[in-house]
Amino acid sequence: MQLKAGHRARFWEKNCVAIGLSAGFLEPLEASALLLIEISAQMIANQMPANRVTMDIVSKRYNKTFTYRWQRIIDFLKLHYALSKRTDNQFWIDNRNPNTISERLQEQLSLWKHQFPCDNDFEQSLEIFPAASYQYILYGMGFKTAPNHLGMSEQSIKQAQQQFLKNSQHSKELTSSLISNRELINKIKQYGLQKV
């Protein structure tokens, strides 16, 4: 079964509002869709139109806001493909094609080669995926950002690297003192769980 991805051009039309799967579908593991349902309901509740005239204003604003949000989710999903090195089948080849990456995401990737993603790279105060989310994907997939021309000195980079090393060593120390999952399960089986 092939799933058709996409979203409505207009989410609010007259007195009907598309929310959740009626608004759109992007991918099977769509945790972002759950968040969209929540913020859709919140926006409607906060701006419930008092009359027909205000409904036109609110629906226009709603459509603009949610078109932006759906497009940012698409960019975030596309980022995973754009950074992938996979070429083992046509699916990955098609989704890595630079022609399928939005102009906005292409601009962001060009910018992020020279500076780290920050909140100023986004237009909304409530972003579905804020700058930190992009940082996790970019740097988790090996993306490189050049040292910042606005003040990221070699000393700052060395300090950050030292802190990463220190955190890594501390994590290894803590992890080595933990018992294995099997030992934990055996102890739970033997003694039960502590009552809270």
C-alpha atoms as a PDB file:
ATOM      1  CA  MET A   1       0.000   0.000   0.000  1.00  0.00           C
ATOM      2  CA  GLN A   2       1.423   3.351  -1.004  1.00  0.00           C
ATOM      3  CA  LEU A   3       0.666   6.337   1.196  1.00  0.00           C
ATOM      4  CA  LYS A   4       0.132   9.695  -0.440  1.00  0.00           C
ATOM      5  CA  ALA A   5       1.941  12.452   1.443  1.00  0.00           C
ATOM      6  CA  GLY A   6       0.917  16.088   1.478  1.00  0.00           C
ATOM      7  CA  HIS A   7      -1.317  18.667   3.143  1.00  0.00           C
ATOM      8  CA  ARG A   8      -4.301  20.787   2.245  1.00  0.00           C
ATOM      9  CA  ALA A   9      -3.832  24.099   0.490  1.00  0.00           C
ATOM     10  CA  ARG A  10      -6.408  25.619   2.883  1.00  0.00           C
ATOM     11  CA  PHE A  11      -7.031  24.181   6.332  1.00  0.00           C
ATOM     12  CA  TRP A  12      -9.855  26.532   7.315  1.00  0.00           C
ATOM     13  CA  GLU A  13     -12.591  26.987   4.725  1.00  0.00           C
ATOM     14  CA  LYS A  14     -15.776  28.837   5.718  1.00  0.00           C
ATOM     15  CA  ASN A  15     -16.907  27.177   8.966  1.00  0.00           C
ATOM     16  CA  CYS A  16     -14.858  23.956   8.620  1.00  0.00           C
ATOM     17  CA  VAL A  17     -11.333  23.415   9.922  1.00  0.00           C
ATOM     18  CA  ALA A  18      -9.191  20.424   8.902  1.00  0.00           C
ATOM     19  CA  ILE A  19      -7.131  19.104  11.817  1.00  0.00           C
ATOM     20  CA  GLY A  20      -5.019  15.970  12.125  1.00  0.00           C
ATOM     21  CA  LEU A  21      -5.202  13.507   9.244  1.00  0.00           C
ATOM     22  CA  SER A  22      -7.925  15.581   7.593  1.00  0.00           C
ATOM     23  CA  ALA A  23      -5.349  18.397   7.311  1.00  0.00           C
ATOM     24  CA  GLY A  24      -2.557  16.276   5.882  1.00  0.00           C
ATOM     25  CA  PHE A  25      -0.260  13.295   6.137  1.00  0.00           C
ATOM     26  CA  LEU A  26       3.520  13.279   5.736  1.00  0.00           C
ATOM     27  CA  GLU A  27       5.000  10.066   7.073  1.00  0.00           C
ATOM     28  CA  PRO A  28       3.957   6.970   9.065  1.00  0.00           C
ATOM     29  CA  LEU A  29       5.740   7.810  12.337  1.00  0.00           C
ATOM     30  CA  GLU A  30       4.191  11.238  12.565  1.00  0.00           C
ATOM     31  CA  ALA A  31       4.703  12.522  16.095  1.00  0.00           C
ATOM     32  CA  SER A  32       4.701  16.009  14.568  1.00  0.00           C
ATOM     33  CA  ALA A  33       1.048  15.468  13.527  1.00  0.00           C
ATOM     34  CA  LEU A  34       0.099  14.997  17.180  1.00  0.00           C
ATOM     35  CA  LEU A  35       1.669  18.322  18.053  1.00  0.00           C
ATOM     36  CA  LEU A  36      -0.133  19.981  15.137  1.00  0.00           C
ATOM     37  CA  ILE A  37      -3.453  18.679  16.463  1.00  0.00           C
ATOM     38  CA  GLU A  38      -2.742  20.193  19.865  1.00  0.00           C
ATOM     39  CA  ILE A  39      -1.626  23.607  18.601  1.00  0.00           C
ATOM     40  CA  SER A  40      -4.446  23.687  16.038  1.00  0.00           C
ATOM     41  CA  ALA A  41      -7.012  23.181  18.776  1.00  0.00           C
ATOM     42  CA  GLN A  42      -5.267  25.744  20.953  1.00  0.00           C
ATOM     43  CA  MET A  43      -5.236  28.375  18.202  1.00  0.00           C
ATOM     44  CA  ILE A  44      -8.920  27.782  17.422  1.00  0.00           C
ATOM     45  CA  ALA A  45      -9.842  27.976  21.113  1.00  0.00           C
ATOM     46  CA  ASN A  46      -7.819  31.161  21.626  1.00  0.00           C
ATOM     47  CA  GLN A  47      -9.151  32.894  18.523  1.00  0.00           C
ATOM     48  CA  MET A  48     -12.675  31.532  18.140  1.00  0.00           C
ATOM     49  CA  PRO A  49     -14.336  34.049  15.826  1.00  0.00           C
ATOM     50  CA  ALA A  50     -17.047  36.191  17.375  1.00  0.00           C
ATOM     51  CA  ASN A  51     -18.881  36.631  14.067  1.00  0.00           C
ATOM     52  CA  ARG A  52     -18.671  36.006  10.327  1.00  0.00           C
ATOM     53  CA  VAL A  53     -16.497  39.063   9.650  1.00  0.00           C
ATOM     54  CA  THR A  54     -13.869  38.033  12.192  1.00  0.00           C
ATOM     55  CA  MET A  55     -14.017  34.436  10.926  1.00  0.00           C
ATOM     56  CA  ASP A  56     -12.524  35.563   7.620  1.00  0.00           C
ATOM     57  CA  ILE A  57      -9.658  37.293   9.429  1.00  0.00           C
ATOM     58  CA  VAL A  58      -8.999  34.367  11.787  1.00  0.00           C
ATOM     59  CA  SER A  59      -9.257  31.739   9.029  1.00  0.00           C
ATOM     60  CA  LYS A  60      -6.816  33.670   6.830  1.00  0.00           C
ATOM     61  CA  ARG A  61      -4.347  33.880   9.721  1.00  0.00           C
ATOM     62  CA  TYR A  62      -4.879  30.214  10.585  1.00  0.00           C
ATOM     63  CA  ASN A  63      -4.273  29.087   6.987  1.00  0.00           C
ATOM     64  CA  LYS A  64      -1.092  31.166   6.745  1.00  0.00           C
ATOM     65  CA  THR A  65       0.227  29.902  10.086  1.00  0.00           C
ATOM     66  CA  PHE A  66      -0.463  26.238   9.394  1.00  0.00           C
ATOM     67  CA  THR A  67       0.848  26.346   5.829  1.00  0.00           C
ATOM     68  CA  TYR A  68       4.082  27.654   7.338  1.00  0.00           C
ATOM     69  CA  ARG A  69       4.110  24.909  10.005  1.00  0.00           C
ATOM     70  CA  TRP A  70       3.455  22.070   7.547  1.00  0.00           C
ATOM     71  CA  GLN A  71       6.183  23.401   5.240  1.00  0.00           C
ATOM     72  CA  ARG A  72       8.668  23.476   8.143  1.00  0.00           C
ATOM     73  CA  ILE A  73       7.830  19.851   8.991  1.00  0.00           C
ATOM     74  CA  ILE A  74       8.440  18.897   5.368  1.00  0.00           C
ATOM     75  CA  ASP A  75      11.804  20.703   5.454  1.00  0.00           C
ATOM     76  CA  PHE A  76      12.750  18.950   8.701  1.00  0.00           C
ATOM     77  CA  LEU A  77      11.860  15.532   7.289  1.00  0.00           C
ATOM     78  CA  LYS A  78      13.644  16.327   4.030  1.00  0.00           C
ATOM     79  CA  LEU A  79      16.761  17.308   5.997  1.00  0.00           C
ATOM     80  CA  HIS A  80      17.169  13.669   7.040  1.00  0.00           C
ATOM     81  CA  TYR A  81      17.234  12.579   3.390  1.00  0.00           C
ATOM     82  CA  ALA A  82      19.352  15.487   2.174  1.00  0.00           C
ATOM     83  CA  LEU A  83      22.131  14.646   4.639  1.00  0.00           C
ATOM     84  CA  SER A  84      21.992  10.891   4.112  1.00  0.00           C
ATOM     85  CA  LYS A  85      24.753   9.174   2.192  1.00  0.00           C
ATOM     86  CA  ARG A  86      22.524   6.251   1.191  1.00  0.00           C
ATOM     87  CA  THR A  87      22.338   5.336  -2.491  1.00  0.00           C
ATOM     88  CA  ASP A  88      21.403   1.665  -2.147  1.00  0.00           C
ATOM     89  CA  ASN A  89      17.961   2.019  -3.744  1.00  0.00           C
ATOM     90  CA  GLN A  90      15.862   4.388  -5.836  1.00  0.00           C
ATOM     91  CA  PHE A  91      13.896   5.670  -2.815  1.00  0.00           C
ATOM     92  CA  TRP A  92      17.043   7.182  -1.286  1.00  0.00           C
ATOM     93  CA  ILE A  93      18.367   8.413  -4.608  1.00  0.00           C
ATOM     94  CA  ASP A  94      15.069  10.196  -5.353  1.00  0.00           C
ATOM     95  CA  ASN A  95      14.797  11.744  -1.883  1.00  0.00           C
ATOM     96  CA  ARG A  96      18.419  12.907  -1.833  1.00  0.00           C
ATOM     97  CA  ASN A  97      17.993  14.703  -5.164  1.00  0.00           C
ATOM     98  CA  PRO A  98      18.813  18.413  -4.563  1.00  0.00           C
ATOM     99  CA  ASN A  99      15.957  19.386  -6.900  1.00  0.00           C
ATOM    100  CA  THR A 100      13.479  17.995  -4.350  1.00  0.00           C
ATOM    101  CA  ILE A 101      14.794  20.185  -1.513  1.00  0.00           C
ATOM    102  CA  SER A 102      12.876  23.403  -0.894  1.00  0.00           C
ATOM    103  CA  GLU A 103      14.605  26.685  -1.636  1.00  0.00           C
ATOM    104  CA  ARG A 104      14.244  27.627   2.022  1.00  0.00           C
ATOM    105  CA  LEU A 105      15.997  24.457   3.240  1.00  0.00           C
ATOM    106  CA  GLN A 106      18.740  24.889   0.614  1.00  0.00           C
ATOM    107  CA  GLU A 107      19.317  28.434   1.897  1.00  0.00           C
ATOM    108  CA  GLN A 108      19.372  27.228   5.502  1.00  0.00           C
ATOM    109  CA  LEU A 109      21.902  24.493   4.685  1.00  0.00           C
ATOM    110  CA  SER A 110      24.118  27.052   2.931  1.00  0.00           C
ATOM    111  CA  LEU A 111      23.874  29.355   5.942  1.00  0.00           C
ATOM    112  CA  TRP A 112      24.530  26.545   8.414  1.00  0.00           C
ATOM    113  CA  LYS A 113      27.788  25.702   6.681  1.00  0.00           C
ATOM    114  CA  HIS A 114      29.062  28.967   8.131  1.00  0.00           C
ATOM    115  CA  GLN A 115      27.079  29.418  11.338  1.00  0.00           C
ATOM    116  CA  PHE A 116      25.210  27.202  13.737  1.00  0.00           C
ATOM    117  CA  PRO A 117      21.407  26.987  13.493  1.00  0.00           C
ATOM    118  CA  CYS A 118      19.789  29.460  15.860  1.00  0.00           C
ATOM    119  CA  ASP A 119      16.289  30.627  16.721  1.00  0.00           C
ATOM    120  CA  ASN A 120      16.718  33.671  14.457  1.00  0.00           C
ATOM    121  CA  ASP A 121      16.750  31.313  11.449  1.00  0.00           C
ATOM    122  CA  PHE A 122      13.017  30.732  11.956  1.00  0.00           C
ATOM    123  CA  GLU A 123      10.039  33.059  11.634  1.00  0.00           C
ATOM    124  CA  GLN A 124       7.651  31.803  14.312  1.00  0.00           C
ATOM    125  CA  SER A 125       7.979  31.942  18.084  1.00  0.00           C
ATOM    126  CA  LEU A 126       6.325  28.508  18.278  1.00  0.00           C
ATOM    127  CA  GLU A 127       8.275  26.323  15.884  1.00  0.00           C
ATOM    128  CA  ILE A 128       7.424  22.651  15.510  1.00  0.00           C
ATOM    129  CA  PHE A 129      11.158  21.956  15.249  1.00  0.00           C
ATOM    130  CA  PRO A 130      13.303  24.714  16.807  1.00  0.00           C
ATOM    131  CA  ALA A 131      16.987  25.298  16.057  1.00  0.00           C
ATOM    132  CA  ALA A 132      18.114  22.640  18.551  1.00  0.00           C
ATOM    133  CA  SER A 133      16.196  19.953  16.632  1.00  0.00           C
ATOM    134  CA  TYR A 134      18.030  20.892  13.452  1.00  0.00           C
ATOM    135  CA  GLN A 135      21.351  20.838  15.314  1.00  0.00           C
ATOM    136  CA  TYR A 136      20.703  17.273  16.506  1.00  0.00           C
ATOM    137  CA  ILE A 137      20.052  16.055  12.974  1.00  0.00           C
ATOM    138  CA  LEU A 138      22.763  18.098  11.252  1.00  0.00           C
ATOM    139  CA  TYR A 139      25.594  17.203  13.573  1.00  0.00           C
ATOM    140  CA  GLY A 140      24.345  13.691  14.306  1.00  0.00           C
ATOM    141  CA  MET A 141      24.613  13.014  10.565  1.00  0.00           C
ATOM    142  CA  GLY A 142      28.090  14.499  10.232  1.00  0.00           C
ATOM    143  CA  PHE A 143      27.229  17.955   8.846  1.00  0.00           C
ATOM    144  CA  LYS A 144      30.095  20.430   9.237  1.00  0.00           C
ATOM    145  CA  THR A 145      29.837  24.099  10.163  1.00  0.00           C
ATOM    146  CA  ALA A 146      32.903  26.268   9.696  1.00  0.00           C
ATOM    147  CA  PRO A 147      34.169  28.174  12.750  1.00  0.00           C
ATOM    148  CA  ASN A 148      31.959  31.193  13.328  1.00  0.00           C
ATOM    149  CA  HIS A 149      33.352  34.385  11.805  1.00  0.00           C
ATOM    150  CA  LEU A 150      31.524  36.396  14.482  1.00  0.00           C
ATOM    151  CA  GLY A 151      33.617  35.233  17.375  1.00  0.00           C
ATOM    152  CA  MET A 152      33.993  31.461  17.539  1.00  0.00           C
ATOM    153  CA  SER A 153      37.707  31.447  18.227  1.00  0.00           C
ATOM    154  CA  GLU A 154      40.034  28.481  18.077  1.00  0.00           C
ATOM    155  CA  GLN A 155      40.251  28.712  21.878  1.00  0.00           C
ATOM    156  CA  SER A 156      36.453  28.463  22.172  1.00  0.00           C
ATOM    157  CA  ILE A 157      36.465  25.443  19.886  1.00  0.00           C
ATOM    158  CA  LYS A 158      39.209  23.765  21.953  1.00  0.00           C
ATOM    159  CA  GLN A 159      37.282  24.481  25.164  1.00  0.00           C
ATOM    160  CA  ALA A 160      34.134  22.969  23.674  1.00  0.00           C
ATOM    161  CA  GLN A 161      36.068  19.896  22.516  1.00  0.00           C
ATOM    162  CA  GLN A 162      37.568  19.496  25.987  1.00  0.00           C
ATOM    163  CA  GLN A 163      34.108  19.736  27.544  1.00  0.00           C
ATOM    164  CA  PHE A 164      32.748  17.127  25.107  1.00  0.00           C
ATOM    165  CA  LEU A 165      35.634  14.815  26.004  1.00  0.00           C
ATOM    166  CA  LYS A 166      35.064  15.392  29.727  1.00  0.00           C
ATOM    167  CA  ASN A 167      31.324  14.651  29.316  1.00  0.00           C
ATOM    168  CA  SER A 168      32.088  11.518  27.315  1.00  0.00           C
ATOM    169  CA  GLN A 169      34.501  10.240  29.963  1.00  0.00           C
ATOM    170  CA  HIS A 170      32.019  11.011  32.745  1.00  0.00           C
ATOM    171  CA  SER A 171      29.272   9.161  30.839  1.00  0.00           C
ATOM    172  CA  LYS A 172      31.538   6.120  30.459  1.00  0.00           C
ATOM    173  CA  GLU A 173      32.311   6.160  34.198  1.00  0.00           C
ATOM    174  CA  LEU A 174      28.646   6.342  35.120  1.00  0.00           C
ATOM    175  CA  THR A 175      27.661   3.696  32.581  1.00  0.00           C
ATOM    176  CA  SER A 176      30.349   1.285  33.782  1.00  0.00           C
ATOM    177  CA  SER A 177      28.937   1.399  37.322  1.00  0.00           C
ATOM    178  CA  LEU A 178      25.471   0.307  36.168  1.00  0.00           C
ATOM    179  CA  ILE A 179      24.367  -3.297  36.341  1.00  0.00           C
ATOM    180  CA  SER A 180      23.328  -5.039  33.131  1.00  0.00           C
ATOM    181  CA  ASN A 181      19.688  -5.222  32.051  1.00  0.00           C
ATOM    182  CA  ARG A 182      19.697  -8.958  32.759  1.00  0.00           C
ATOM    183  CA  GLU A 183      20.965  -8.391  36.323  1.00  0.00           C
ATOM    184  CA  LEU A 184      18.315  -5.726  36.891  1.00  0.00           C
ATOM    185  CA  ILE A 185      15.526  -7.982  35.637  1.00  0.00           C
ATOM    186  CA  ASN A 186      16.765 -10.839  37.845  1.00  0.00           C
ATOM    187  CA  LYS A 187      16.790  -8.553  40.908  1.00  0.00           C
ATOM    188  CA  ILE A 188      13.288  -7.293  40.125  1.00  0.00           C
ATOM    189  CA  LYS A 189      12.139 -10.896  39.740  1.00  0.00           C
ATOM    190  CA  GLN A 190      13.780 -11.858  43.033  1.00  0.00           C
ATOM    191  CA  TYR A 191      12.853  -8.810  45.166  1.00  0.00           C
ATOM    192  CA  GLY A 192      10.063  -7.062  43.242  1.00  0.00           C
ATOM    193  CA  LEU A 193       9.786  -3.330  42.647  1.00  0.00           C
ATOM    194  CA  GLN A 194      10.032  -0.850  45.490  1.00  0.00           C
ATOM    195  CA  LYS A 195       6.690   0.730  46.343  1.00  0.00           C
ATOM    196  CA  VAL A 196       6.515   4.470  45.883  1.00  0.00           C
END
